[in-house]
N, C-alpha and C. Protein backbone atom coordinates (compact mmCIF):
# COMPACT_ATOMS: atom_id res chain seq x y z
N MET A 1 -2.51 5.03 1.07
CA MET A 1 -1.62 3.78 1.40
C MET A 1 -1.43 2.81 0.36
N ASN A 2 -0.16 2.18 0.31
CA ASN A 2 0.65 1.44 -0.69
C ASN A 2 0.53 0.07 -0.15
N HIS A 3 1.20 -1.01 -1.02
CA HIS A 3 1.18 -2.48 -0.89
C HIS A 3 1.87 -2.62 0.52
N LEU A 4 2.83 -2.32 1.15
CA LEU A 4 3.28 -2.56 2.25
C LEU A 4 2.57 -1.91 3.48
N ALA A 5 2.06 -0.92 3.42
CA ALA A 5 1.25 -0.38 4.39
C ALA A 5 -0.17 -1.22 4.50
N HIS A 6 -0.76 -1.49 3.33
CA HIS A 6 -1.89 -2.43 3.35
C HIS A 6 -1.66 -3.61 3.92
N ALA A 7 -0.36 -4.15 3.43
CA ALA A 7 -0.47 -5.72 4.24
C ALA A 7 -0.40 -5.53 5.63
N LEU A 8 0.40 -4.29 6.27
CA LEU A 8 0.59 -4.49 7.87
C LEU A 8 -0.91 -4.28 8.36
N VAL A 9 -1.51 -3.43 7.68
CA VAL A 9 -2.99 -2.95 7.94
C VAL A 9 -3.76 -4.31 8.33
N ALA A 10 -3.58 -5.03 7.68
CA ALA A 10 -4.47 -6.59 7.24
C ALA A 10 -3.90 -7.34 8.57
N VAL A 11 -2.71 -7.11 8.72
CA VAL A 11 -2.11 -7.97 9.80
C VAL A 11 -2.62 -7.45 11.32
N ARG A 12 -2.51 -6.06 11.56
CA ARG A 12 -2.91 -5.61 12.52
C ARG A 12 -4.43 -5.54 12.96
N ALA A 13 -5.08 -5.78 11.87
CA ALA A 13 -6.58 -6.00 11.97
C ALA A 13 -7.09 -7.37 11.96
N GLY A 14 -6.12 -8.45 11.94
CA GLY A 14 -6.49 -9.75 11.80
C GLY A 14 -7.17 -10.08 10.65
N GLY A 15 -6.92 -9.48 9.47
CA GLY A 15 -7.62 -9.83 8.25
C GLY A 15 -6.61 -10.60 7.13
N SER A 16 -7.17 -10.39 5.82
CA SER A 16 -6.55 -11.35 4.76
C SER A 16 -5.57 -10.11 4.45
N ILE A 17 -4.39 -10.75 4.01
CA ILE A 17 -3.06 -10.01 3.32
C ILE A 17 -3.41 -9.97 1.69
N VAL A 18 -4.00 -11.12 1.53
CA VAL A 18 -4.57 -11.03 0.05
C VAL A 18 -5.56 -10.11 -0.32
N GLY A 19 -6.66 -10.20 0.76
CA GLY A 19 -7.66 -9.31 0.29
C GLY A 19 -7.66 -7.73 0.15
N ASN A 20 -6.65 -7.67 1.17
CA ASN A 20 -6.09 -6.12 1.24
C ASN A 20 -5.38 -5.66 0.02
N LEU A 21 -4.30 -6.74 -0.30
CA LEU A 21 -3.79 -6.12 -1.65
C LEU A 21 -4.50 -6.51 -2.88
N MET A 22 -5.65 -7.39 -2.98
CA MET A 22 -6.25 -7.04 -4.15
C MET A 22 -7.25 -6.00 -4.12
N GLY A 23 -7.43 -5.33 -3.35
CA GLY A 23 -8.20 -4.16 -3.15
C GLY A 23 -7.85 -3.23 -4.54
N ASP A 24 -6.79 -3.09 -4.76
CA ASP A 24 -6.26 -2.02 -6.00
C ASP A 24 -6.78 -2.83 -7.46
N PHE A 25 -7.06 -3.88 -7.24
CA PHE A 25 -7.28 -4.76 -8.63
C PHE A 25 -8.73 -5.16 -8.62
N VAL A 26 -9.35 -4.65 -7.82
CA VAL A 26 -10.99 -4.90 -8.00
C VAL A 26 -11.74 -3.81 -8.20
N LYS A 27 -12.36 -3.40 -9.20
CA LYS A 27 -13.45 -2.48 -9.11
C LYS A 27 -14.73 -2.78 -9.38
N GLY A 28 -15.61 -1.72 -8.71
CA GLY A 28 -17.10 -2.41 -8.43
C GLY A 28 -17.27 -3.11 -7.64
N ARG A 29 -18.29 -3.89 -7.29
CA ARG A 29 -18.70 -5.33 -6.39
C ARG A 29 -17.68 -6.24 -6.65
N PRO A 30 -16.87 -6.75 -5.65
CA PRO A 30 -16.37 -7.72 -6.02
C PRO A 30 -17.19 -9.34 -5.86
N ALA A 31 -16.60 -10.26 -6.71
CA ALA A 31 -17.50 -11.54 -7.10
C ALA A 31 -17.59 -11.93 -5.65
N PRO A 32 -18.93 -12.38 -5.44
CA PRO A 32 -19.47 -12.80 -4.12
C PRO A 32 -18.67 -14.51 -4.14
N SER A 33 -18.24 -14.85 -4.95
CA SER A 33 -17.72 -16.02 -4.84
C SER A 33 -16.27 -16.22 -4.13
N LEU A 34 -15.64 -15.37 -4.12
CA LEU A 34 -14.36 -15.13 -3.37
C LEU A 34 -14.63 -15.44 -1.63
N PRO A 35 -13.42 -15.99 -1.39
CA PRO A 35 -13.57 -16.43 0.17
C PRO A 35 -13.87 -15.37 1.24
N ALA A 36 -14.69 -15.39 2.22
CA ALA A 36 -15.15 -14.41 3.09
C ALA A 36 -14.09 -13.48 3.23
N ASP A 37 -13.08 -13.85 3.82
CA ASP A 37 -11.89 -13.36 4.56
C ASP A 37 -11.31 -12.26 3.50
N VAL A 38 -11.33 -12.84 2.17
CA VAL A 38 -10.57 -11.97 0.98
C VAL A 38 -11.60 -10.80 0.79
N LEU A 39 -13.03 -11.20 0.70
CA LEU A 39 -14.09 -10.02 0.56
C LEU A 39 -13.78 -9.14 1.85
N GLU A 40 -14.10 -9.42 3.09
CA GLU A 40 -13.50 -8.62 3.94
C GLU A 40 -12.46 -7.62 4.04
N GLY A 41 -11.18 -8.33 3.47
CA GLY A 41 -10.00 -7.75 3.14
C GLY A 41 -10.08 -6.86 2.12
N ILE A 42 -10.97 -6.87 0.98
CA ILE A 42 -11.03 -5.89 0.01
C ILE A 42 -11.86 -4.63 0.38
N ARG A 43 -13.05 -5.05 1.67
CA ARG A 43 -13.57 -3.72 2.17
C ARG A 43 -12.67 -3.23 2.83
N LEU A 44 -12.02 -3.84 3.83
CA LEU A 44 -11.16 -3.05 4.45
C LEU A 44 -10.22 -2.03 3.88
N HIS A 45 -9.22 -2.78 2.47
CA HIS A 45 -8.86 -1.77 1.87
C HIS A 45 -9.18 -0.60 1.45
N ARG A 46 -10.54 -0.70 0.89
CA ARG A 46 -11.53 0.31 0.66
C ARG A 46 -11.58 1.48 1.50
N ARG A 47 -11.82 0.65 2.65
CA ARG A 47 -12.26 1.62 3.86
C ARG A 47 -10.96 2.62 4.30
N VAL A 48 -9.60 1.81 4.24
CA VAL A 48 -8.63 2.34 4.60
C VAL A 48 -8.54 3.55 3.82
N ASP A 49 -8.62 3.48 2.51
CA ASP A 49 -7.95 4.15 1.46
C ASP A 49 -8.88 5.86 1.41
N ALA A 50 -9.93 5.42 1.72
CA ALA A 50 -11.14 6.55 1.82
C ALA A 50 -10.82 7.44 3.13
N PHE A 51 -10.38 6.49 4.35
CA PHE A 51 -9.84 7.47 5.46
C PHE A 51 -8.75 8.48 5.12
N THR A 52 -7.67 7.39 4.54
CA THR A 52 -6.47 8.07 4.39
C THR A 52 -6.74 9.35 3.32
N ASP A 53 -7.69 9.31 2.45
CA ASP A 53 -7.51 10.28 1.64
C ASP A 53 -8.18 11.60 1.97
N SER A 54 -9.33 11.22 3.16
CA SER A 54 -9.93 12.64 4.00
C SER A 54 -8.73 13.08 5.29
N HIS A 55 -7.76 12.40 5.12
CA HIS A 55 -6.74 12.69 6.78
C HIS A 55 -6.17 13.84 6.29
N PRO A 56 -5.92 15.04 7.16
CA PRO A 56 -5.21 16.47 6.94
C PRO A 56 -3.94 16.10 6.61
N ALA A 57 -3.36 14.98 7.39
CA ALA A 57 -1.95 14.67 6.91
C ALA A 57 -1.56 14.45 5.74
N ALA A 58 -2.54 13.57 5.00
CA ALA A 58 -2.42 13.07 3.44
C ALA A 58 -2.64 14.38 2.80
N ALA A 59 -3.49 15.35 3.12
CA ALA A 59 -3.80 16.41 2.35
C ALA A 59 -2.41 17.52 2.58
N ARG A 60 -1.90 17.21 3.77
CA ARG A 60 -0.35 18.32 3.83
C ARG A 60 0.47 17.64 2.88
N SER A 61 0.53 16.26 2.95
CA SER A 61 1.34 15.56 2.27
C SER A 61 1.40 16.16 0.60
N LEU A 62 0.40 15.98 -0.04
CA LEU A 62 -0.12 16.42 -1.47
C LEU A 62 0.28 18.13 -1.74
N ARG A 63 0.16 18.89 -0.51
CA ARG A 63 0.55 20.05 -0.98
C ARG A 63 1.98 20.34 -1.13
N ARG A 64 2.91 19.14 -0.59
CA ARG A 64 4.35 19.55 -0.53
C ARG A 64 4.75 19.27 -2.19
N PHE A 65 4.37 18.83 -2.82
CA PHE A 65 4.55 18.59 -4.53
C PHE A 65 4.56 19.79 -5.16
N ARG A 66 5.79 20.02 -5.79
CA ARG A 66 5.90 21.02 -6.97
C ARG A 66 4.85 20.73 -7.95
N PRO A 67 4.49 22.12 -8.68
CA PRO A 67 3.41 22.09 -9.33
C PRO A 67 3.36 20.70 -10.67
N ARG A 68 4.54 20.02 -10.98
CA ARG A 68 4.42 19.33 -12.20
C ARG A 68 4.47 18.19 -11.68
N PHE A 69 4.35 17.83 -10.46
CA PHE A 69 4.18 16.62 -9.81
C PHE A 69 2.69 16.45 -9.09
N ARG A 70 1.91 17.57 -9.20
CA ARG A 70 0.91 17.58 -8.30
C ARG A 70 -0.25 16.65 -8.60
N ARG A 71 -0.21 16.67 -10.00
CA ARG A 71 -1.21 15.74 -10.58
C ARG A 71 -1.01 14.25 -10.10
N TRP A 72 0.13 13.90 -9.92
CA TRP A 72 0.43 12.57 -9.67
C TRP A 72 0.64 12.33 -7.89
N GLY A 73 0.39 13.30 -7.31
CA GLY A 73 0.74 13.33 -5.93
C GLY A 73 0.26 12.32 -4.99
N GLY A 74 -0.99 11.80 -5.33
CA GLY A 74 -1.78 10.64 -4.81
C GLY A 74 -0.62 9.25 -4.97
N VAL A 75 -0.38 8.90 -6.15
CA VAL A 75 0.38 7.97 -6.55
C VAL A 75 1.79 8.12 -5.51
N LEU A 76 2.20 9.33 -5.60
CA LEU A 76 3.80 9.43 -5.17
C LEU A 76 3.52 9.31 -3.74
N THR A 77 2.54 10.01 -3.14
CA THR A 77 2.27 9.78 -1.62
C THR A 77 2.51 8.30 -1.07
N ASP A 78 1.52 7.53 -1.77
CA ASP A 78 1.36 6.33 -1.46
C ASP A 78 2.88 5.64 -1.55
N ILE A 79 3.48 5.75 -2.34
CA ILE A 79 4.71 5.17 -2.58
C ILE A 79 5.72 5.97 -1.26
N PHE A 80 5.57 6.99 -1.14
CA PHE A 80 6.46 7.46 -0.15
C PHE A 80 6.26 6.93 1.06
N TYR A 81 5.11 6.94 1.50
CA TYR A 81 4.49 6.34 2.81
C TYR A 81 5.06 4.91 2.74
N ASP A 82 5.12 4.09 1.84
CA ASP A 82 5.53 2.73 2.03
C ASP A 82 7.21 2.95 2.44
N HIS A 83 7.72 3.91 1.86
CA HIS A 83 9.04 4.08 2.12
C HIS A 83 9.27 4.44 3.55
N VAL A 84 8.71 5.42 3.95
CA VAL A 84 8.70 5.89 5.54
C VAL A 84 8.54 4.67 6.25
N LEU A 85 7.47 4.11 6.12
CA LEU A 85 7.11 2.67 6.74
C LEU A 85 8.44 1.55 7.06
N ALA A 86 8.82 1.77 5.60
CA ALA A 86 9.71 0.20 5.75
C ALA A 86 11.20 0.80 6.40
N ARG A 87 11.59 2.01 6.40
CA ARG A 87 12.23 2.76 7.09
C ARG A 87 12.35 2.93 8.63
N SER A 88 11.07 2.83 9.12
CA SER A 88 10.67 2.85 10.52
C SER A 88 10.23 1.46 11.04
N TRP A 89 10.50 0.58 10.09
CA TRP A 89 9.99 -1.08 10.56
C TRP A 89 10.22 -1.44 11.96
N GLU A 90 11.44 -1.39 12.47
CA GLU A 90 11.49 -1.90 13.75
C GLU A 90 10.68 -1.03 14.73
N GLU A 91 10.16 0.15 14.56
CA GLU A 91 9.26 0.43 15.52
C GLU A 91 7.92 0.32 15.17
N LEU A 92 7.52 0.30 13.92
CA LEU A 92 5.86 0.12 13.60
C LEU A 92 5.67 -1.12 12.99
N GLY A 93 6.90 -1.73 12.69
CA GLY A 93 6.37 -3.38 11.62
C GLY A 93 5.82 -4.43 12.51
N GLU A 94 5.85 -5.38 11.80
CA GLU A 94 5.64 -6.80 12.73
C GLU A 94 6.66 -7.74 12.30
N GLY A 95 7.59 -8.19 13.67
CA GLY A 95 8.80 -8.66 13.13
C GLY A 95 9.94 -7.98 12.21
N SER A 96 10.65 -8.88 11.37
CA SER A 96 11.62 -8.03 10.53
C SER A 96 10.95 -7.75 9.08
N LEU A 97 11.40 -6.70 8.67
CA LEU A 97 10.88 -6.49 7.40
C LEU A 97 10.91 -7.47 6.44
N ARG A 98 12.20 -8.16 6.46
CA ARG A 98 12.54 -9.17 5.70
C ARG A 98 11.52 -10.60 5.80
N GLY A 99 11.40 -10.96 6.92
CA GLY A 99 10.37 -11.76 7.48
C GLY A 99 8.94 -11.78 7.16
N PHE A 100 8.72 -10.42 7.20
CA PHE A 100 7.09 -10.15 6.73
C PHE A 100 7.01 -9.90 5.39
N ALA A 101 7.99 -9.40 4.82
CA ALA A 101 7.95 -9.57 3.12
C ALA A 101 8.03 -10.75 2.78
N ASP A 102 8.60 -11.83 3.23
CA ASP A 102 8.50 -13.38 3.08
C ASP A 102 7.11 -13.93 3.07
N ARG A 103 6.68 -13.33 4.06
CA ARG A 103 5.24 -13.76 4.67
C ARG A 103 4.28 -13.38 3.51
N VAL A 104 4.17 -12.05 3.52
CA VAL A 104 3.34 -11.58 2.05
C VAL A 104 3.80 -12.33 0.59
N TYR A 105 4.65 -12.77 0.04
CA TYR A 105 5.31 -12.97 -0.95
C TYR A 105 4.37 -14.50 -0.79
N ALA A 106 4.74 -15.19 0.36
CA ALA A 106 4.05 -16.74 0.39
C ALA A 106 2.53 -16.65 0.47
N GLU A 107 1.84 -15.96 1.06
CA GLU A 107 0.56 -15.73 1.02
C GLU A 107 -0.06 -15.81 -0.20
N LEU A 108 0.48 -14.83 -1.03
CA LEU A 108 0.19 -14.39 -2.41
C LEU A 108 0.18 -15.36 -3.32
N GLU A 109 1.42 -16.19 -3.15
CA GLU A 109 1.51 -17.20 -4.04
C GLU A 109 0.56 -18.39 -3.62
N ASP A 110 0.58 -18.76 -2.49
CA ASP A 110 -0.27 -19.77 -2.05
C ASP A 110 -1.79 -19.39 -2.59
N ALA A 111 -2.12 -17.99 -2.48
CA ALA A 111 -3.42 -17.72 -3.12
C ALA A 111 -3.61 -17.61 -5.03
N ARG A 112 -2.46 -17.60 -5.29
CA ARG A 112 -2.82 -17.92 -6.89
C ARG A 112 -3.19 -19.22 -7.37
N ARG A 113 -2.95 -20.26 -6.15
CA ARG A 113 -3.47 -21.67 -6.28
C ARG A 113 -4.87 -21.70 -5.84
N THR A 114 -5.13 -21.07 -5.08
CA THR A 114 -6.24 -21.17 -4.22
C THR A 114 -7.43 -20.11 -4.48
N VAL A 115 -7.30 -18.80 -4.85
CA VAL A 115 -8.30 -18.00 -4.92
C VAL A 115 -8.24 -17.39 -6.21
N PRO A 116 -9.50 -17.28 -6.81
CA PRO A 116 -9.80 -16.68 -8.13
C PRO A 116 -9.11 -15.55 -8.16
N LEU A 117 -8.06 -14.91 -8.31
CA LEU A 117 -7.24 -13.51 -8.52
C LEU A 117 -7.73 -12.82 -9.76
N PRO A 118 -7.96 -11.71 -9.84
CA PRO A 118 -8.20 -10.75 -11.01
C PRO A 118 -6.90 -11.15 -11.92
N GLU A 119 -7.10 -11.39 -13.22
CA GLU A 119 -6.26 -11.54 -14.13
C GLU A 119 -4.90 -10.57 -14.25
N ARG A 120 -5.41 -9.33 -14.08
CA ARG A 120 -4.58 -8.16 -13.95
C ARG A 120 -3.65 -7.93 -12.65
N MET A 121 -3.99 -8.86 -11.46
CA MET A 121 -3.44 -8.86 -10.29
C MET A 121 -1.80 -9.71 -10.66
N LEU A 122 -2.12 -10.77 -11.74
CA LEU A 122 -1.09 -11.88 -11.71
C LEU A 122 0.58 -11.27 -11.92
N PRO A 123 0.26 -10.17 -12.99
CA PRO A 123 1.81 -9.77 -13.50
C PRO A 123 2.11 -8.90 -11.98
N PHE A 124 1.19 -8.28 -11.62
CA PHE A 124 1.90 -7.60 -10.25
C PHE A 124 2.43 -8.56 -9.21
N LEU A 125 1.76 -9.89 -9.00
CA LEU A 125 2.28 -10.68 -7.96
C LEU A 125 3.98 -10.90 -8.55
N ASP A 126 4.40 -11.11 -9.89
CA ASP A 126 5.32 -11.49 -10.21
C ASP A 126 6.44 -10.36 -10.25
N TYR A 127 5.96 -9.36 -10.34
CA TYR A 127 6.82 -8.02 -10.42
C TYR A 127 7.13 -8.13 -8.69
N LEU A 128 6.50 -8.12 -7.63
CA LEU A 128 6.74 -7.66 -6.30
C LEU A 128 7.44 -8.81 -5.85
N ARG A 129 7.52 -10.24 -6.23
CA ARG A 129 8.56 -11.16 -5.94
C ARG A 129 9.76 -10.67 -6.95
N ALA A 130 10.04 -10.50 -7.75
CA ALA A 130 11.12 -10.41 -8.75
C ALA A 130 11.93 -8.99 -8.02
N THR A 131 11.07 -7.92 -7.94
CA THR A 131 12.16 -6.74 -7.47
C THR A 131 12.32 -6.98 -6.15
N ASP A 132 11.28 -7.89 -5.05
CA ASP A 132 11.49 -8.01 -3.95
C ASP A 132 11.06 -6.38 -3.17
N LEU A 133 10.05 -6.02 -3.60
CA LEU A 133 9.63 -4.61 -3.50
C LEU A 133 9.27 -4.09 -2.09
N LEU A 134 8.94 -5.27 -1.23
CA LEU A 134 8.50 -4.57 -0.12
C LEU A 134 9.66 -4.25 0.67
N VAL A 135 10.56 -5.07 0.13
CA VAL A 135 11.84 -4.71 1.30
C VAL A 135 12.91 -3.78 0.39
N ALA A 136 12.70 -3.53 -0.66
CA ALA A 136 13.15 -2.51 -1.85
C ALA A 136 12.84 -1.52 -1.25
N TYR A 137 11.62 -1.04 -0.90
CA TYR A 137 10.99 0.40 -0.50
C TYR A 137 11.90 0.87 0.53
N ALA A 138 12.63 0.47 1.77
CA ALA A 138 13.34 0.62 2.85
C ALA A 138 14.25 1.65 2.05
N GLU A 139 14.98 1.59 0.81
CA GLU A 139 16.31 2.34 0.32
C GLU A 139 15.45 3.10 -0.85
N THR A 140 16.19 4.50 -0.82
CA THR A 140 15.81 5.43 -1.98
C THR A 140 15.63 4.71 -3.26
N GLU A 141 16.97 4.11 -3.35
CA GLU A 141 17.11 3.39 -4.81
C GLU A 141 15.87 2.60 -4.91
N GLY A 142 15.60 1.84 -4.01
CA GLY A 142 14.16 1.02 -4.28
C GLY A 142 13.04 1.66 -4.88
N VAL A 143 13.08 2.97 -3.97
CA VAL A 143 11.84 4.04 -4.37
C VAL A 143 11.96 4.32 -5.81
N ASP A 144 13.11 4.71 -6.29
CA ASP A 144 13.48 5.36 -7.59
C ASP A 144 13.31 4.11 -8.63
N ARG A 145 13.55 2.77 -8.56
CA ARG A 145 13.59 1.82 -9.48
C ARG A 145 11.69 1.61 -9.45
N ALA A 146 11.13 1.61 -8.46
CA ALA A 146 9.59 1.45 -8.64
C ALA A 146 9.17 2.46 -9.39
N LEU A 147 9.73 3.61 -9.28
CA LEU A 147 9.13 4.75 -10.05
C LEU A 147 9.55 4.74 -11.32
N GLN A 148 10.62 4.44 -11.34
CA GLN A 148 10.88 4.19 -12.96
C GLN A 148 10.04 3.48 -13.64
N GLY A 149 9.90 2.17 -13.13
CA GLY A 149 9.29 1.35 -13.63
C GLY A 149 7.67 1.33 -13.94
N LEU A 150 7.26 2.22 -12.85
CA LEU A 150 5.65 2.45 -12.87
C LEU A 150 5.78 3.60 -14.51
N SER A 151 6.58 4.50 -14.20
CA SER A 151 6.55 5.76 -15.46
C SER A 151 6.69 5.15 -16.80
N ARG A 152 7.34 3.67 -16.77
CA ARG A 152 7.21 3.08 -18.29
C ARG A 152 5.94 2.74 -18.14
N ARG A 153 5.50 2.04 -17.28
CA ARG A 153 3.85 1.30 -17.54
C ARG A 153 2.69 2.15 -17.81
N VAL A 154 2.95 3.48 -17.23
CA VAL A 154 1.85 4.32 -17.53
C VAL A 154 1.90 4.99 -18.69
N ARG A 155 0.81 4.68 -19.73
CA ARG A 155 0.89 5.03 -21.05
C ARG A 155 0.88 6.36 -21.61
N ARG A 156 0.22 7.58 -20.83
CA ARG A 156 0.45 8.92 -21.09
C ARG A 156 1.80 9.00 -20.54
N ARG A 157 2.40 10.35 -21.03
CA ARG A 157 3.55 10.93 -20.28
C ARG A 157 3.49 11.59 -18.79
N ASN A 158 4.29 11.38 -18.26
CA ASN A 158 4.22 11.86 -16.89
C ASN A 158 5.59 11.83 -16.26
N PRO A 159 5.67 12.51 -15.21
CA PRO A 159 6.78 12.85 -14.26
C PRO A 159 7.53 11.75 -13.46
N LEU A 160 6.86 10.56 -13.17
CA LEU A 160 7.10 9.69 -12.09
C LEU A 160 8.34 9.31 -12.22
N GLY A 161 8.90 9.15 -12.95
CA GLY A 161 10.29 8.75 -13.34
C GLY A 161 11.24 9.73 -12.62
N ASP A 162 11.05 10.88 -12.56
CA ASP A 162 11.93 11.80 -11.46
C ASP A 162 11.35 12.09 -9.90
N GLY A 163 10.50 11.24 -9.84
CA GLY A 163 9.49 11.38 -8.53
C GLY A 163 10.32 11.35 -7.05
N VAL A 164 11.62 10.69 -7.21
CA VAL A 164 12.46 10.37 -5.93
C VAL A 164 12.98 11.90 -5.83
N GLU A 165 12.99 12.90 -6.92
CA GLU A 165 13.62 14.24 -6.21
C GLU A 165 12.73 14.92 -5.25
N GLU A 166 11.37 14.37 -5.39
CA GLU A 166 10.30 14.85 -4.36
C GLU A 166 10.56 14.41 -3.19
N LEU A 167 10.94 12.91 -2.95
CA LEU A 167 11.02 12.65 -1.77
C LEU A 167 12.49 13.18 -0.98
N GLU A 168 13.42 13.14 -1.75
CA GLU A 168 14.51 13.52 -1.05
C GLU A 168 14.58 15.27 -0.91
N ARG A 169 13.43 15.77 -1.49
CA ARG A 169 13.56 17.46 -1.15
C ARG A 169 12.83 17.44 0.18
N ALA A 170 11.45 16.54 0.02
CA ALA A 170 10.71 17.04 1.52
C ALA A 170 10.48 15.70 2.23
N ALA A 171 11.80 14.91 2.55
CA ALA A 171 11.64 13.72 3.13
C ALA A 171 10.98 13.98 4.38
N ALA A 172 11.67 14.86 5.35
CA ALA A 172 11.16 15.19 6.44
C ALA A 172 9.68 15.58 6.48
N GLY A 173 9.11 16.07 5.64
CA GLY A 173 7.68 16.23 6.06
C GLY A 173 6.79 15.39 5.45
N PHE A 174 7.42 14.36 4.70
CA PHE A 174 6.49 13.10 4.36
C PHE A 174 6.55 12.32 5.46
N ARG A 175 7.81 12.39 6.19
CA ARG A 175 8.02 11.65 7.37
C ARG A 175 7.02 11.66 8.59
N ALA A 176 6.86 12.91 8.56
CA ALA A 176 6.16 13.69 9.75
C ALA A 176 4.59 13.50 9.62
N ASP A 177 3.99 13.59 8.06
CA ASP A 177 2.71 13.32 7.87
C ASP A 177 2.41 11.75 8.06
N PHE A 178 3.09 10.88 7.77
CA PHE A 178 3.04 9.40 7.64
C PHE A 178 2.99 9.26 9.02
N ARG A 179 3.70 9.61 10.08
CA ARG A 179 3.85 9.31 11.25
C ARG A 179 2.69 9.64 12.19
N GLU A 180 1.91 11.16 11.73
CA GLU A 180 0.69 11.45 12.26
C GLU A 180 -0.25 10.52 11.67
N LEU A 181 -0.44 10.22 10.40
CA LEU A 181 -1.50 9.51 10.03
C LEU A 181 -1.65 8.13 10.46
N TRP A 182 -0.30 7.29 10.50
CA TRP A 182 -0.47 6.00 10.81
C TRP A 182 -1.28 5.36 11.89
N PRO A 183 -1.14 6.26 13.26
CA PRO A 183 -1.85 5.39 14.40
C PRO A 183 -3.43 5.56 14.21
N ASP A 184 -3.78 6.60 13.25
CA ASP A 184 -5.35 6.66 12.96
C ASP A 184 -5.86 5.71 12.11
N VAL A 185 -4.84 5.49 11.05
CA VAL A 185 -5.04 4.59 10.03
C VAL A 185 -5.29 3.05 10.77
N VAL A 186 -4.38 2.88 11.60
CA VAL A 186 -4.80 1.55 12.55
C VAL A 186 -5.88 1.10 13.19
N GLU A 187 -6.29 2.30 13.94
CA GLU A 187 -7.20 2.58 14.73
C GLU A 187 -8.62 2.42 14.05
N GLU A 188 -8.56 3.24 12.65
CA GLU A 188 -9.60 2.76 11.96
C GLU A 188 -9.72 1.33 11.47
N ALA A 189 -8.95 0.58 11.14
CA ALA A 189 -8.77 -0.66 10.87
C ALA A 189 -9.11 -1.33 11.89
N LEU A 190 -8.74 -1.24 12.93
CA LEU A 190 -9.42 -1.99 13.93
C LEU A 190 -10.86 -1.49 14.33
N GLU A 191 -11.20 -0.61 14.29
CA GLU A 191 -12.89 0.01 14.22
C GLU A 191 -13.52 -0.96 13.55
N HIS A 192 -12.97 -0.96 12.13
CA HIS A 192 -13.92 -1.71 11.13
C HIS A 192 -13.82 -3.14 11.24
N ALA A 193 -12.79 -3.74 11.74
CA ALA A 193 -12.76 -5.12 11.93
C ALA A 193 -13.48 -5.16 13.05
N ARG A 194 -13.58 -4.54 14.08
CA ARG A 194 -14.82 -5.05 15.26
C ARG A 194 -16.00 -5.12 14.78
N LEU A 195 -16.35 -4.11 14.10
CA LEU A 195 -17.90 -3.98 13.44
C LEU A 195 -18.07 -5.14 12.34
N ALA A 196 -17.14 -5.58 11.89
CA ALA A 196 -17.50 -6.49 10.95
C ALA A 196 -17.69 -7.96 11.62
N ARG A 197 -16.89 -8.16 12.62
CA ARG A 197 -17.24 -9.23 13.65
C ARG A 197 -18.69 -9.14 14.44
N ARG A 198 -18.94 -7.83 14.80
CA ARG A 198 -20.42 -7.94 15.34
C ARG A 198 -21.35 -8.02 14.29
N SER A 199 -21.44 -7.96 13.09
CA SER A 199 -22.22 -7.94 12.18
C SER A 199 -22.35 -9.52 11.30
N ARG A 200 -21.26 -10.50 12.08
CA ARG A 200 -21.46 -11.67 11.26
C ARG A 200 -22.80 -12.72 12.35
């Protein structure tokens, strides 16, 4: 799962968008000084990632990549799934994609002032807003721009800049995999939220 999917999972589960997006930037044990809802969001992010990694549909997506992309298949799959979600937003999303993205950007900007965010998350917040990434994912060109930028930021040599070729080559397969996976992810998130409420 990538940024758009994690944000929507947070909303579906009644949790923190900020915490769910922070999950990619917190390694090890989160600081206990973080707000309780943010800590719970980080936990939900990790549970969703672990669940997704073990799901047969995600495994099928990884097998769709040609050999030179396979090492980067997990990264590419996450981004491709956000593309599928954005393209299917009217059916699977919450309100309009534009309205949802603006809500996410606003909550993250508010958190910049009120939550001790990880330093390495701050450039991501600027990039997310500047590129309007959550909306851009709906178009192949937006996915391509995101992959070109990611390829430049990764220090070692990589094929990510050509990754959109794989999306275009196997789009129907990635779409089918995501549509199989998504309801299970949402149910897993809801179960996590139910257990978290009981343990309070």
